[in-house]
C-alpha atoms as a PDB file:
ATOM      1  CA  UNK A   1     -46.820-102.358 149.935  1.00  0.00           C
ATOM      2  CA  UNK A   2     -46.257-103.906 152.368  1.00  0.00           C
ATOM      3  CA  UNK A   3     -49.644-105.616 153.658  1.00  0.00           C
ATOM      4  CA  UNK A   4     -48.799-107.695 150.127  1.00  0.00           C
ATOM      5  CA  UNK A   5     -45.949-108.712 152.371  1.00  0.00           C
ATOM      6  CA  UNK A   6     -47.541-109.458 155.270  1.00  0.00           C
ATOM      7  CA  UNK A   7     -50.071-111.258 154.159  1.00  0.00           C
ATOM      8  CA  UNK A   8     -47.695-113.688 152.073  1.00  0.00           C
ATOM      9  CA  UNK A   9     -45.135-114.039 155.322  1.00  0.00           C
ATOM     10  CA  UNK A  10     -48.264-115.556 157.462  1.00  0.00           C
ATOM     11  CA  UNK A  11     -49.878-117.220 154.689  1.00  0.00           C
ATOM     12  CA  UNK A  12     -46.211-118.912 155.064  1.00  0.00           C
ATOM     13  CA  UNK A  13     -45.858-119.906 158.339  1.00  0.00           C
ATOM     14  CA  UNK A  14     -49.702-120.698 159.163  1.00  0.00           C
ATOM     15  CA  UNK A  15     -49.551-123.621 156.360  1.00  0.00           C
ATOM     16  CA  UNK A  16     -45.666-124.594 156.907  1.00  0.00           C
ATOM     17  CA  UNK A  17     -47.401-125.885 161.131  1.00  0.00           C
ATOM     18  CA  UNK A  18     -50.899-127.321 159.726  1.00  0.00           C
ATOM     19  CA  UNK A  19     -53.865-126.485 159.805  1.00  0.00           C
ATOM     20  CA  UNK A  20     -54.814-128.681 162.528  1.00  0.00           C
ATOM     21  CA  UNK A  21     -52.050-128.119 165.057  1.00  0.00           C
ATOM     22  CA  UNK A  22     -53.415-124.302 164.604  1.00  0.00           C
ATOM     23  CA  UNK A  23     -56.605-124.280 164.669  1.00  0.00           C
ATOM     24  CA  UNK A  24     -57.356-127.049 167.562  1.00  0.00           C
ATOM     25  CA  UNK A  25     -53.902-127.790 168.676  1.00  0.00           C
ATOM     26  CA  UNK A  26     -51.976-130.471 169.778  1.00  0.00           C
ATOM     27  CA  UNK A  27     -53.816-132.095 172.871  1.00  0.00           C
ATOM     28  CA  UNK A  28     -57.472-131.949 173.656  1.00  0.00           C
ATOM     29  CA  UNK A  29     -59.773-131.241 176.629  1.00  0.00           C
ATOM     30  CA  UNK A  30     -60.771-135.106 177.808  1.00  0.00           C
ATOM     31  CA  UNK A  31     -63.150-135.391 180.421  1.00  0.00           C
ATOM     32  CA  UNK A  32     -63.065-139.075 183.360  1.00  0.00           C
ATOM     33  CA  UNK A  33     -66.391-140.339 185.370  1.00  0.00           C
ATOM     34  CA  UNK A  34     -66.716-142.998 186.583  1.00  0.00           C
ATOM     35  CA  UNK A  35     -68.969-144.650 189.540  1.00  0.00           C
ATOM     36  CA  UNK A  36     -67.160-145.004 192.218  1.00  0.00           C
ATOM     37  CA  UNK A  37     -65.912-141.772 191.648  1.00  0.00           C
ATOM     38  CA  UNK A  38     -62.167-141.558 193.192  1.00  0.00           C
ATOM     39  CA  UNK A  39     -60.448-143.447 190.998  1.00  0.00           C
ATOM     40  CA  UNK A  40     -57.019-143.484 188.949  1.00  0.00           C
ATOM     41  CA  UNK A  41     -57.391-142.326 185.971  1.00  0.00           C
ATOM     42  CA  UNK A  42     -53.525-142.883 183.397  1.00  0.00           C
ATOM     43  CA  UNK A  43     -53.210-142.774 179.684  1.00  0.00           C
ATOM     44  CA  UNK A  44     -50.519-144.488 178.165  1.00  0.00           C
ATOM     45  CA  UNK A  45     -48.829-145.467 181.634  1.00  0.00           C
ATOM     46  CA  UNK A  46     -48.919-140.698 182.669  1.00  0.00           C
ATOM     47  CA  UNK A  47     -51.310-140.832 185.757  1.00  0.00           C
ATOM     48  CA  UNK A  48     -53.516-137.729 185.172  1.00  0.00           C
ATOM     49  CA  UNK A  49     -55.996-137.490 188.396  1.00  0.00           C
ATOM     50  CA  UNK A  50     -58.395-138.964 190.013  1.00  0.00           C
ATOM     51  CA  UNK A  51     -62.550-138.765 188.894  1.00  0.00           C
ATOM     52  CA  UNK A  52     -64.674-137.158 187.799  1.00  0.00           C
ATOM     53  CA  UNK A  53     -61.347-135.041 186.094  1.00  0.00           C
ATOM     54  CA  UNK A  54     -61.627-132.939 183.147  1.00  0.00           C
ATOM     55  CA  UNK A  55     -57.604-132.219 180.944  1.00  0.00           C
ATOM     56  CA  UNK A  56     -55.765-131.816 178.022  1.00  0.00           C
ATOM     57  CA  UNK A  57     -54.160-135.166 177.056  1.00  0.00           C
ATOM     58  CA  UNK A  58     -52.109-135.307 174.123  1.00  0.00           C
ATOM     59  CA  UNK A  59     -53.905-135.962 170.935  1.00  0.00           C
ATOM     60  CA  UNK A  60     -52.291-139.930 169.205  1.00  0.00           C
ATOM     61  CA  UNK A  61     -53.035-143.286 168.153  1.00  0.00           C
ATOM     62  CA  UNK A  62     -52.787-146.194 169.974  1.00  0.00           C
ATOM     63  CA  UNK A  63     -53.126-144.769 173.197  1.00  0.00           C
ATOM     64  CA  UNK A  64     -54.534-147.330 176.802  1.00  0.00           C
ATOM     65  CA  UNK A  65     -56.891-146.117 179.437  1.00  0.00           C
ATOM     66  CA  UNK A  66     -56.862-147.320 182.764  1.00  0.00           C
ATOM     67  CA  UNK A  67     -59.332-146.907 185.556  1.00  0.00           C
ATOM     68  CA  UNK A  68     -57.832-148.106 188.904  1.00  0.00           C
ATOM     69  CA  UNK A  69     -58.946-147.784 192.387  1.00  0.00           C
ATOM     70  CA  UNK A  70     -57.980-149.699 195.556  1.00  0.00           C
ATOM     71  CA  UNK A  71     -61.277-152.917 195.925  1.00  0.00           C
ATOM     72  CA  UNK A  72     -62.175-152.839 192.890  1.00  0.00           C
ATOM     73  CA  UNK A  73     -60.733-154.551 189.803  1.00  0.00           C
ATOM     74  CA  UNK A  74     -59.007-152.608 187.045  1.00  0.00           C
ATOM     75  CA  UNK A  75     -60.662-151.205 183.880  1.00  0.00           C
ATOM     76  CA  UNK A  76     -58.447-151.149 180.733  1.00  0.00           C
ATOM     77  CA  UNK A  77     -59.023-149.699 177.275  1.00  0.00           C
ATOM     78  CA  UNK A  78     -58.345-147.659 174.406  1.00  0.00           C
ATOM     79  CA  UNK A  79     -58.649-144.415 174.183  1.00  0.00           C
ATOM     80  CA  UNK A  80     -60.697-144.285 170.497  1.00  0.00           C
ATOM     81  CA  UNK A  81     -59.852-141.651 167.566  1.00  0.00           C
ATOM     82  CA  UNK A  82     -60.374-140.725 164.208  1.00  0.00           C
ATOM     83  CA  UNK A  83     -58.929-138.460 162.210  1.00  0.00           C
ATOM     84  CA  UNK A  84     -59.521-134.213 162.762  1.00  0.00           C
ATOM     85  CA  UNK A  85     -61.053-133.024 159.381  1.00  0.00           C
ATOM     86  CA  UNK A  86     -59.269-129.637 160.118  1.00  0.00           C
ATOM     87  CA  UNK A  87     -56.766-132.365 158.743  1.00  0.00           C
ATOM     88  CA  UNK A  88     -58.364-132.694 155.718  1.00  0.00           C
ATOM     89  CA  UNK A  89     -58.576-129.121 155.220  1.00  0.00           C
ATOM     90  CA  UNK A  90     -54.489-128.653 155.795  1.00  0.00           C
ATOM     91  CA  UNK A  91     -54.139-130.947 153.147  1.00  0.00           C
ATOM     92  CA  UNK A  92     -56.261-129.265 150.233  1.00  0.00           C
ATOM     93  CA  UNK A  93     -54.197-126.083 151.810  1.00  0.00           C
ATOM     94  CA  UNK A  94     -50.743-126.704 153.170  1.00  0.00           C
ATOM     95  CA  UNK A  95     -50.708-129.737 151.129  1.00  0.00           C
ATOM     96  CA  UNK A  96     -47.380-132.101 151.617  1.00  0.00           C
ATOM     97  CA  UNK A  97     -45.975-129.578 153.862  1.00  0.00           C
ATOM     98  CA  UNK A  98     -48.933-128.280 156.505  1.00  0.00           C
ATOM     99  CA  UNK A  99     -49.736-132.639 156.141  1.00  0.00           C
ATOM    100  CA  UNK A 100     -46.497-133.878 157.255  1.00  0.00           C
ATOM    101  CA  UNK A 101     -46.378-131.147 160.269  1.00  0.00           C
ATOM    102  CA  UNK A 102     -50.036-132.535 162.259  1.00  0.00           C
ATOM    103  CA  UNK A 103     -48.720-136.487 161.684  1.00  0.00           C
ATOM    104  CA  UNK A 104     -45.935-135.470 163.901  1.00  0.00           C
ATOM    105  CA  UNK A 105     -47.181-133.302 165.771  1.00  0.00           C
ATOM    106  CA  UNK A 106     -50.708-135.805 166.706  1.00  0.00           C
ATOM    107  CA  UNK A 107     -53.175-133.255 166.046  1.00  0.00           C
ATOM    108  CA  UNK A 108     -54.152-135.325 163.037  1.00  0.00           C
ATOM    109  CA  UNK A 109     -56.055-137.753 165.555  1.00  0.00           C
ATOM    110  CA  UNK A 110     -59.201-136.704 167.537  1.00  0.00           C
ATOM    111  CA  UNK A 111     -60.242-138.567 170.429  1.00  0.00           C
ATOM    112  CA  UNK A 112     -63.862-139.106 169.879  1.00  0.00           C
ATOM    113  CA  UNK A 113     -65.466-139.708 172.771  1.00  0.00           C
ATOM    114  CA  UNK A 114     -64.015-136.933 174.361  1.00  0.00           C
ATOM    115  CA  UNK A 115     -65.632-138.176 177.499  1.00  0.00           C
ATOM    116  CA  UNK A 116     -65.689-141.242 179.259  1.00  0.00           C
ATOM    117  CA  UNK A 117     -67.768-143.223 182.046  1.00  0.00           C
ATOM    118  CA  UNK A 118     -66.495-146.451 183.961  1.00  0.00           C
ATOM    119  CA  UNK A 119     -68.394-148.581 187.064  1.00  0.00           C
ATOM    120  CA  UNK A 120     -66.152-150.601 187.749  1.00  0.00           C
ATOM    121  CA  UNK A 121     -66.582-153.965 189.573  1.00  0.00           C
ATOM    122  CA  UNK A 122     -66.109-154.688 193.241  1.00  0.00           C
ATOM    123  CA  UNK A 123     -62.830-157.653 193.657  1.00  0.00           C
ATOM    124  CA  UNK A 124     -65.071-159.797 195.110  1.00  0.00           C
ATOM    125  CA  UNK A 125     -64.816-163.547 193.529  1.00  0.00           C
ATOM    126  CA  UNK A 126     -68.198-162.432 191.833  1.00  0.00           C
ATOM    127  CA  UNK A 127     -67.353-159.371 190.350  1.00  0.00           C
ATOM    128  CA  UNK A 128     -70.700-157.838 192.616  1.00  0.00           C
ATOM    129  CA  UNK A 129     -71.141-155.637 195.078  1.00  0.00           C
ATOM    130  CA  UNK A 130     -73.349-156.916 198.261  1.00  0.00           C
ATOM    131  CA  UNK A 131     -74.224-153.524 199.029  1.00  0.00           C
ATOM    132  CA  UNK A 132     -78.312-151.520 197.991  1.00  0.00           C
ATOM    133  CA  UNK A 133     -77.217-147.993 196.537  1.00  0.00           C
ATOM    134  CA  UNK A 134     -74.515-149.702 194.514  1.00  0.00           C
ATOM    135  CA  UNK A 135     -76.683-152.317 193.127  1.00  0.00           C
ATOM    136  CA  UNK A 136     -79.311-149.891 191.812  1.00  0.00           C
ATOM    137  CA  UNK A 137     -76.223-147.331 190.520  1.00  0.00           C
ATOM    138  CA  UNK A 138     -74.934-150.358 188.484  1.00  0.00           C
ATOM    139  CA  UNK A 139     -78.300-151.608 187.041  1.00  0.00           C
ATOM    140  CA  UNK A 140     -79.603-148.370 186.130  1.00  0.00           C
ATOM    141  CA  UNK A 141     -75.942-147.269 184.132  1.00  0.00           C
ATOM    142  CA  UNK A 142     -75.208-150.940 182.578  1.00  0.00           C
ATOM    143  CA  UNK A 143     -79.237-151.171 180.950  1.00  0.00           C
ATOM    144  CA  UNK A 144     -79.960-147.468 180.771  1.00  0.00           C
ATOM    145  CA  UNK A 145     -82.132-147.918 177.995  1.00  0.00           C
ATOM    146  CA  UNK A 146     -83.307-150.753 178.860  1.00  0.00           C
ATOM    147  CA  UNK A 147     -84.748-149.329 182.690  1.00  0.00           C
ATOM    148  CA  UNK A 148     -86.069-146.447 181.671  1.00  0.00           C
ATOM    149  CA  UNK A 149     -87.440-148.076 178.736  1.00  0.00           C
ATOM    150  CA  UNK A 150     -89.441-150.439 181.079  1.00  0.00           C
ATOM    151  CA  UNK A 151     -90.246-147.571 183.945  1.00  0.00           C
ATOM    152  CA  UNK A 152     -91.978-145.775 180.819  1.00  0.00           C
ATOM    153  CA  UNK A 153     -94.143-149.480 179.499  1.00  0.00           C
ATOM    154  CA  UNK A 154     -94.650-149.928 183.829  1.00  0.00           C
ATOM    155  CA  UNK A 155     -92.291-152.691 184.763  1.00  0.00           C
ATOM    156  CA  UNK A 156     -90.304-155.079 183.583  1.00  0.00           C
ATOM    157  CA  UNK A 157     -87.456-157.306 185.604  1.00  0.00           C
ATOM    158  CA  UNK A 158     -84.743-153.580 185.700  1.00  0.00           C
ATOM    159  CA  UNK A 159     -87.249-152.213 187.564  1.00  0.00           C
ATOM    160  CA  UNK A 160     -88.462-154.975 189.685  1.00  0.00           C
ATOM    161  CA  UNK A 161     -84.893-155.150 190.596  1.00  0.00           C
ATOM    162  CA  UNK A 162     -84.972-151.683 191.258  1.00  0.00           C
ATOM    163  CA  UNK A 163     -88.246-151.964 193.328  1.00  0.00           C
ATOM    164  CA  UNK A 164     -87.012-154.678 195.197  1.00  0.00           C
ATOM    165  CA  UNK A 165     -83.744-153.187 196.315  1.00  0.00           C
ATOM    166  CA  UNK A 166     -85.354-149.886 197.363  1.00  0.00           C
ATOM    167  CA  UNK A 167     -87.636-152.999 199.713  1.00  0.00           C
ATOM    168  CA  UNK A 168     -91.454-151.163 198.229  1.00  0.00           C
ATOM    169  CA  UNK A 169     -94.197-153.809 198.782  1.00  0.00           C
ATOM    170  CA  UNK A 170     -96.207-154.866 195.948  1.00  0.00           C
ATOM    171  CA  UNK A 171     -99.083-152.244 197.153  1.00  0.00           C
ATOM    172  CA  UNK A 172     -97.545-149.603 196.469  1.00  0.00           C
ATOM    173  CA  UNK A 173     -95.015-151.141 193.505  1.00  0.00           C
ATOM    174  CA  UNK A 174     -97.377-148.933 190.465  1.00  0.00           C
ATOM    175  CA  UNK A 175     -97.022-145.976 192.272  1.00  0.00           C
ATOM    176  CA  UNK A 176     -93.638-145.861 192.559  1.00  0.00           C
ATOM    177  CA  UNK A 177     -92.836-146.591 189.196  1.00  0.00           C
ATOM    178  CA  UNK A 178     -94.703-143.928 188.464  1.00  0.00           C
ATOM    179  CA  UNK A 179     -92.949-142.045 190.444  1.00  0.00           C
ATOM    180  CA  UNK A 180     -89.689-144.271 188.911  1.00  0.00           C
ATOM    181  CA  UNK A 181     -90.391-142.859 185.742  1.00  0.00           C
ATOM    182  CA  UNK A 182     -91.449-139.586 186.205  1.00  0.00           C
ATOM    183  CA  UNK A 183     -87.411-138.610 187.812  1.00  0.00           C
ATOM    184  CA  UNK A 184     -86.267-140.402 185.106  1.00  0.00           C
ATOM    185  CA  UNK A 185     -87.949-138.029 182.647  1.00  0.00           C
ATOM    186  CA  UNK A 186     -86.921-134.805 185.010  1.00  0.00           C
ATOM    187  CA  UNK A 187     -82.603-136.568 185.091  1.00  0.00           C
ATOM    188  CA  UNK A 188     -81.128-137.371 181.967  1.00  0.00           C
ATOM    189  CA  UNK A 189     -77.918-138.196 183.273  1.00  0.00           C
ATOM    190  CA  UNK A 190     -78.098-142.992 184.324  1.00  0.00           C
ATOM    191  CA  UNK A 191     -76.312-141.846 187.906  1.00  0.00           C
ATOM    192  CA  UNK A 192     -77.136-137.955 188.728  1.00  0.00           C
ATOM    193  CA  UNK A 193     -80.683-139.896 188.479  1.00  0.00           C
ATOM    194  CA  UNK A 194     -79.509-143.179 190.127  1.00  0.00           C
ATOM    195  CA  UNK A 195     -78.150-140.831 193.326  1.00  0.00           C
ATOM    196  CA  UNK A 196     -81.730-139.030 193.234  1.00  0.00           C
ATOM    197  CA  UNK A 197     -83.238-142.905 193.772  1.00  0.00           C
ATOM    198  CA  UNK A 198     -81.309-142.925 196.486  1.00  0.00           C
ATOM    199  CA  UNK A 199     -81.109-140.432 198.093  1.00  0.00           C
ATOM    200  CA  UNK A 200     -85.051-140.047 197.456  1.00  0.00           C
ATOM    201  CA  UNK A 201     -85.898-143.386 199.131  1.00  0.00           C
ATOM    202  CA  UNK A 202     -83.262-143.562 201.557  1.00  0.00           C
ATOM    203  CA  UNK A 203     -81.658-146.454 200.842  1.00  0.00           C
ATOM    204  CA  UNK A 204     -78.792-147.855 202.779  1.00  0.00           C
END
């Protein structure tokens, strides 16, 4: 006799709190990375820490995102959100009470993407770095698909720029492009690819 009563009470508690709130919670872990690292991340006025970091962020819409680092231009954007799919399940299962709870708690919102990577621009008149390692990182990260495609096809404007920054002579250009393409195939992360190239070719 007790089991049906307990199940009923549990169901009432579950529905009153909202499916999305129970299943996914009212916050979500988000990863923040930047180039260069050690940039201060702020969400809607609340300082979360310095990159790289992964922290829980309260689910809400229209939250501002800021990356700041001395010597670089401040990067500002909005955290992108979509409707949490559990919210729709909540409407079907919990009705108005459950969906209202999710709306108040913020669980209706889901951050997408849940990873952010930004390249900060130097706070100079041109916004261009004079450091060769940084230029290499900026080109590879900003033109990821184009750079990798050019490597695979044997060359192009972005590849030529990287080869020039590496200090490779014309006689070794073709061999270098093939080597860089192999590195690109084994490094899916653009930042890791750039750092590997910088280390192998000892770019200063």
